[in-house]
Amino acid sequence: MSVRFDRLRDRYAARAERGGSFPDRVTFQRSTKTKGADGGIVKADPLDTSSDIPCRYKPSSAREISLVGKTIAGVAYTIYVPAIYSDELIDVDSECLAVIAEREDSEPERTFSVVAPLRYEGIEIAVLCQIQD
């Protein structure tokens, strides 16, 4: 069973390297906090946990609610990435931001807040997220 799984994972990783099923690139960033001189928490620039990972993303669901006369819209996205890329596990959790690189065909860079990474049998990670304001 383990040998079969390793072969499947290797084929999947090779396909990811070629960019066949993953047309976009994502970088996962985790915010850092340090203790300031006065004892308070100071936010620093986010650090890249995994960068330039091949991915594909799509809207998963959308909703619209009305609160006190104001309409609020929300769209959930799913970003799919290989679980292992360049022989390293992808490091992503709900504390991360996902930054999708700008495409050559005028698709702008997008930043998402990660809600939950869902790992599927060690082959692919589906990262549920929402667009950052």
C-alpha atoms as a PDB file:
ATOM      1  CA  MET A   1       0.000   0.000   0.000  1.00  0.00           C
ATOM      2  CA  SER A   2       2.778   2.443   0.915  1.00  0.00           C
ATOM      3  CA  VAL A   3       4.635   1.920  -2.368  1.00  0.00           C
ATOM      4  CA  ARG A   4       1.458   2.569  -4.356  1.00  0.00           C
ATOM      5  CA  PHE A   5       0.785   5.729  -2.362  1.00  0.00           C
ATOM      6  CA  ASP A   6       4.354   6.956  -2.898  1.00  0.00           C
ATOM      7  CA  ARG A   7       4.040   6.447  -6.652  1.00  0.00           C
ATOM      8  CA  LEU A   8       0.715   8.296  -6.743  1.00  0.00           C
ATOM      9  CA  ARG A   9       2.152  11.176  -4.694  1.00  0.00           C
ATOM     10  CA  ASP A  10       5.224  11.366  -6.959  1.00  0.00           C
ATOM     11  CA  ARG A  11       3.096  11.464 -10.128  1.00  0.00           C
ATOM     12  CA  TYR A  12       0.889  14.146  -8.587  1.00  0.00           C
ATOM     13  CA  ALA A  13       3.943  16.203  -7.571  1.00  0.00           C
ATOM     14  CA  ALA A  14       5.437  15.883 -11.070  1.00  0.00           C
ATOM     15  CA  ARG A  15       2.184  17.121 -12.599  1.00  0.00           C
ATOM     16  CA  ALA A  16       2.208  20.067 -10.171  1.00  0.00           C
ATOM     17  CA  GLU A  17       5.801  20.915 -11.165  1.00  0.00           C
ATOM     18  CA  ARG A  18       4.785  21.049 -14.832  1.00  0.00           C
ATOM     19  CA  GLY A  19       1.857  23.332 -13.947  1.00  0.00           C
ATOM     20  CA  GLY A  20      -0.674  21.140 -15.747  1.00  0.00           C
ATOM     21  CA  SER A  21      -3.494  21.203 -13.226  1.00  0.00           C
ATOM     22  CA  PHE A  22      -2.293  24.228 -11.237  1.00  0.00           C
ATOM     23  CA  PRO A  23      -2.186  27.381 -13.409  1.00  0.00           C
ATOM     24  CA  ASP A  24      -1.633  29.883 -10.554  1.00  0.00           C
ATOM     25  CA  ARG A  25       1.011  30.441  -7.850  1.00  0.00           C
ATOM     26  CA  VAL A  26       0.341  31.063  -4.150  1.00  0.00           C
ATOM     27  CA  THR A  27       2.441  32.156  -1.194  1.00  0.00           C
ATOM     28  CA  PHE A  28       1.237  31.429   2.339  1.00  0.00           C
ATOM     29  CA  GLN A  29       2.162  34.042   4.939  1.00  0.00           C
ATOM     30  CA  ARG A  30       1.803  33.888   8.721  1.00  0.00           C
ATOM     31  CA  SER A  31       1.671  37.089  10.739  1.00  0.00           C
ATOM     32  CA  THR A  32       4.249  37.461  13.475  1.00  0.00           C
ATOM     33  CA  LYS A  33       3.870  39.143  16.841  1.00  0.00           C
ATOM     34  CA  THR A  34       6.598  40.167  19.232  1.00  0.00           C
ATOM     35  CA  LYS A  35       6.635  41.701  22.675  1.00  0.00           C
ATOM     36  CA  GLY A  36       7.400  45.413  22.573  1.00  0.00           C
ATOM     37  CA  ALA A  37       9.603  47.391  24.981  1.00  0.00           C
ATOM     38  CA  ASP A  38       6.550  48.436  26.990  1.00  0.00           C
ATOM     39  CA  GLY A  39       5.315  44.827  27.256  1.00  0.00           C
ATOM     40  CA  GLY A  40       2.608  45.183  24.595  1.00  0.00           C
ATOM     41  CA  ILE A  41       2.170  43.036  21.503  1.00  0.00           C
ATOM     42  CA  VAL A  42       3.663  44.465  18.310  1.00  0.00           C
ATOM     43  CA  LYS A  43       2.673  43.077  14.911  1.00  0.00           C
ATOM     44  CA  ALA A  44       5.508  42.609  12.448  1.00  0.00           C
ATOM     45  CA  ASP A  45       5.482  41.913   8.722  1.00  0.00           C
ATOM     46  CA  PRO A  46       4.161  38.450   7.873  1.00  0.00           C
ATOM     47  CA  LEU A  47       6.670  35.695   7.154  1.00  0.00           C
ATOM     48  CA  ASP A  48       6.357  33.354   4.176  1.00  0.00           C
ATOM     49  CA  THR A  49       5.707  29.788   5.343  1.00  0.00           C
ATOM     50  CA  SER A  50       5.516  28.316   1.827  1.00  0.00           C
ATOM     51  CA  SER A  51       6.122  30.360  -1.307  1.00  0.00           C
ATOM     52  CA  ASP A  52       5.578  30.123  -5.049  1.00  0.00           C
ATOM     53  CA  ILE A  53       3.441  26.985  -4.743  1.00  0.00           C
ATOM     54  CA  PRO A  54       1.445  25.922  -7.824  1.00  0.00           C
ATOM     55  CA  CYS A  55      -2.300  26.144  -7.189  1.00  0.00           C
ATOM     56  CA  ARG A  56      -5.745  26.559  -8.638  1.00  0.00           C
ATOM     57  CA  TYR A  57      -8.572  28.439  -6.978  1.00  0.00           C
ATOM     58  CA  LYS A  58     -12.277  28.938  -7.459  1.00  0.00           C
ATOM     59  CA  PRO A  59     -15.262  30.405  -5.642  1.00  0.00           C
ATOM     60  CA  SER A  60     -16.952  27.817  -3.426  1.00  0.00           C
ATOM     61  CA  SER A  61     -20.034  29.671  -2.245  1.00  0.00           C
ATOM     62  CA  ALA A  62     -21.488  33.137  -1.940  1.00  0.00           C
ATOM     63  CA  ARG A  63     -23.970  34.821   0.364  1.00  0.00           C
ATOM     64  CA  GLU A  64     -25.524  38.193   0.851  1.00  0.00           C
ATOM     65  CA  ILE A  65     -27.129  39.479   4.046  1.00  0.00           C
ATOM     66  CA  SER A  66     -28.786  42.739   4.971  1.00  0.00           C
ATOM     67  CA  LEU A  67     -27.999  44.280   8.353  1.00  0.00           C
ATOM     68  CA  VAL A  68     -29.427  47.621   9.428  1.00  0.00           C
ATOM     69  CA  GLY A  69     -30.077  48.639   5.843  1.00  0.00           C
ATOM     70  CA  LYS A  70     -26.579  47.701   4.693  1.00  0.00           C
ATOM     71  CA  THR A  71     -26.007  44.807   2.301  1.00  0.00           C
ATOM     72  CA  ILE A  72     -22.970  42.657   3.100  1.00  0.00           C
ATOM     73  CA  ALA A  73     -21.726  40.159   0.541  1.00  0.00           C
ATOM     74  CA  GLY A  74     -19.341  37.324   1.209  1.00  0.00           C
ATOM     75  CA  VAL A  75     -17.671  34.807  -1.069  1.00  0.00           C
ATOM     76  CA  ALA A  76     -15.837  31.698   0.081  1.00  0.00           C
ATOM     77  CA  TYR A  77     -12.992  30.416  -2.096  1.00  0.00           C
ATOM     78  CA  THR A  78     -11.143  27.127  -2.223  1.00  0.00           C
ATOM     79  CA  ILE A  79      -7.449  27.061  -3.135  1.00  0.00           C
ATOM     80  CA  TYR A  80      -6.086  23.653  -4.144  1.00  0.00           C
ATOM     81  CA  VAL A  81      -2.364  22.975  -3.653  1.00  0.00           C
ATOM     82  CA  PRO A  82      -0.266  19.804  -3.649  1.00  0.00           C
ATOM     83  CA  ALA A  83       0.426  18.615  -0.092  1.00  0.00           C
ATOM     84  CA  ILE A  84       4.132  18.239  -0.918  1.00  0.00           C
ATOM     85  CA  TYR A  85       6.030  20.527  -3.273  1.00  0.00           C
ATOM     86  CA  SER A  86       9.794  20.491  -3.882  1.00  0.00           C
ATOM     87  CA  ASP A  87      10.109  17.692  -1.313  1.00  0.00           C
ATOM     88  CA  GLU A  88       8.629  19.838   1.470  1.00  0.00           C
ATOM     89  CA  LEU A  89       5.261  19.713   3.194  1.00  0.00           C
ATOM     90  CA  ILE A  90       3.116  22.788   2.606  1.00  0.00           C
ATOM     91  CA  ASP A  91       2.841  24.758   5.862  1.00  0.00           C
ATOM     92  CA  VAL A  92      -0.610  26.353   6.070  1.00  0.00           C
ATOM     93  CA  ASP A  93      -3.105  26.867   8.889  1.00  0.00           C
ATOM     94  CA  SER A  94      -5.939  29.204   9.846  1.00  0.00           C
ATOM     95  CA  GLU A  95      -3.466  31.906  10.954  1.00  0.00           C
ATOM     96  CA  CYS A  96      -2.144  32.336   7.404  1.00  0.00           C
ATOM     97  CA  LEU A  97      -2.846  34.634   4.503  1.00  0.00           C
ATOM     98  CA  ALA A  98      -2.793  33.230   0.977  1.00  0.00           C
ATOM     99  CA  VAL A  99      -1.445  35.581  -1.707  1.00  0.00           C
ATOM    100  CA  ILE A 100      -2.208  34.500  -5.284  1.00  0.00           C
ATOM    101  CA  ALA A 101       0.307  36.007  -7.707  1.00  0.00           C
ATOM    102  CA  GLU A 102      -0.791  38.252 -10.551  1.00  0.00           C
ATOM    103  CA  ARG A 103      -1.408  36.435 -13.828  1.00  0.00           C
ATOM    104  CA  GLU A 104      -0.021  37.524 -17.152  1.00  0.00           C
ATOM    105  CA  ASP A 105      -3.542  37.729 -18.596  1.00  0.00           C
ATOM    106  CA  SER A 106      -4.376  40.742 -16.373  1.00  0.00           C
ATOM    107  CA  GLU A 107      -5.823  38.806 -13.422  1.00  0.00           C
ATOM    108  CA  PRO A 108      -4.753  40.903 -10.395  1.00  0.00           C
ATOM    109  CA  GLU A 109      -2.929  39.674  -7.302  1.00  0.00           C
ATOM    110  CA  ARG A 110      -5.402  38.542  -4.642  1.00  0.00           C
ATOM    111  CA  THR A 111      -5.016  38.106  -0.906  1.00  0.00           C
ATOM    112  CA  PHE A 112      -7.186  35.676   1.066  1.00  0.00           C
ATOM    113  CA  SER A 113      -7.626  34.918   4.780  1.00  0.00           C
ATOM    114  CA  VAL A 114      -7.335  31.185   5.377  1.00  0.00           C
ATOM    115  CA  VAL A 115     -10.297  29.716   7.241  1.00  0.00           C
ATOM    116  CA  ALA A 116      -9.317  26.039   7.248  1.00  0.00           C
ATOM    117  CA  PRO A 117      -6.943  23.761   5.337  1.00  0.00           C
ATOM    118  CA  LEU A 118      -8.464  20.367   4.489  1.00  0.00           C
ATOM    119  CA  ARG A 119      -5.887  17.678   3.823  1.00  0.00           C
ATOM    120  CA  TYR A 120      -6.894  14.842   1.486  1.00  0.00           C
ATOM    121  CA  GLU A 121      -4.866  11.664   1.977  1.00  0.00           C
ATOM    122  CA  GLY A 122      -1.526  13.471   1.840  1.00  0.00           C
ATOM    123  CA  ILE A 123      -1.866  14.288  -1.860  1.00  0.00           C
ATOM    124  CA  GLU A 124      -3.729  17.582  -2.086  1.00  0.00           C
ATOM    125  CA  ILE A 125      -4.773  20.324   0.322  1.00  0.00           C
ATOM    126  CA  ALA A 126      -8.024  22.220  -0.197  1.00  0.00           C
ATOM    127  CA  VAL A 127      -7.651  25.553   1.591  1.00  0.00           C
ATOM    128  CA  LEU A 128     -10.965  27.205   2.438  1.00  0.00           C
ATOM    129  CA  CYS A 129     -10.611  30.968   2.576  1.00  0.00           C
ATOM    130  CA  GLN A 130     -12.277  34.325   2.084  1.00  0.00           C
ATOM    131  CA  ILE A 131     -11.057  37.333   0.187  1.00  0.00           C
ATOM    132  CA  GLN A 132      -9.185  39.892   2.286  1.00  0.00           C
ATOM    133  CA  ASP A 133     -10.552  43.443   2.342  1.00  0.00           C
END
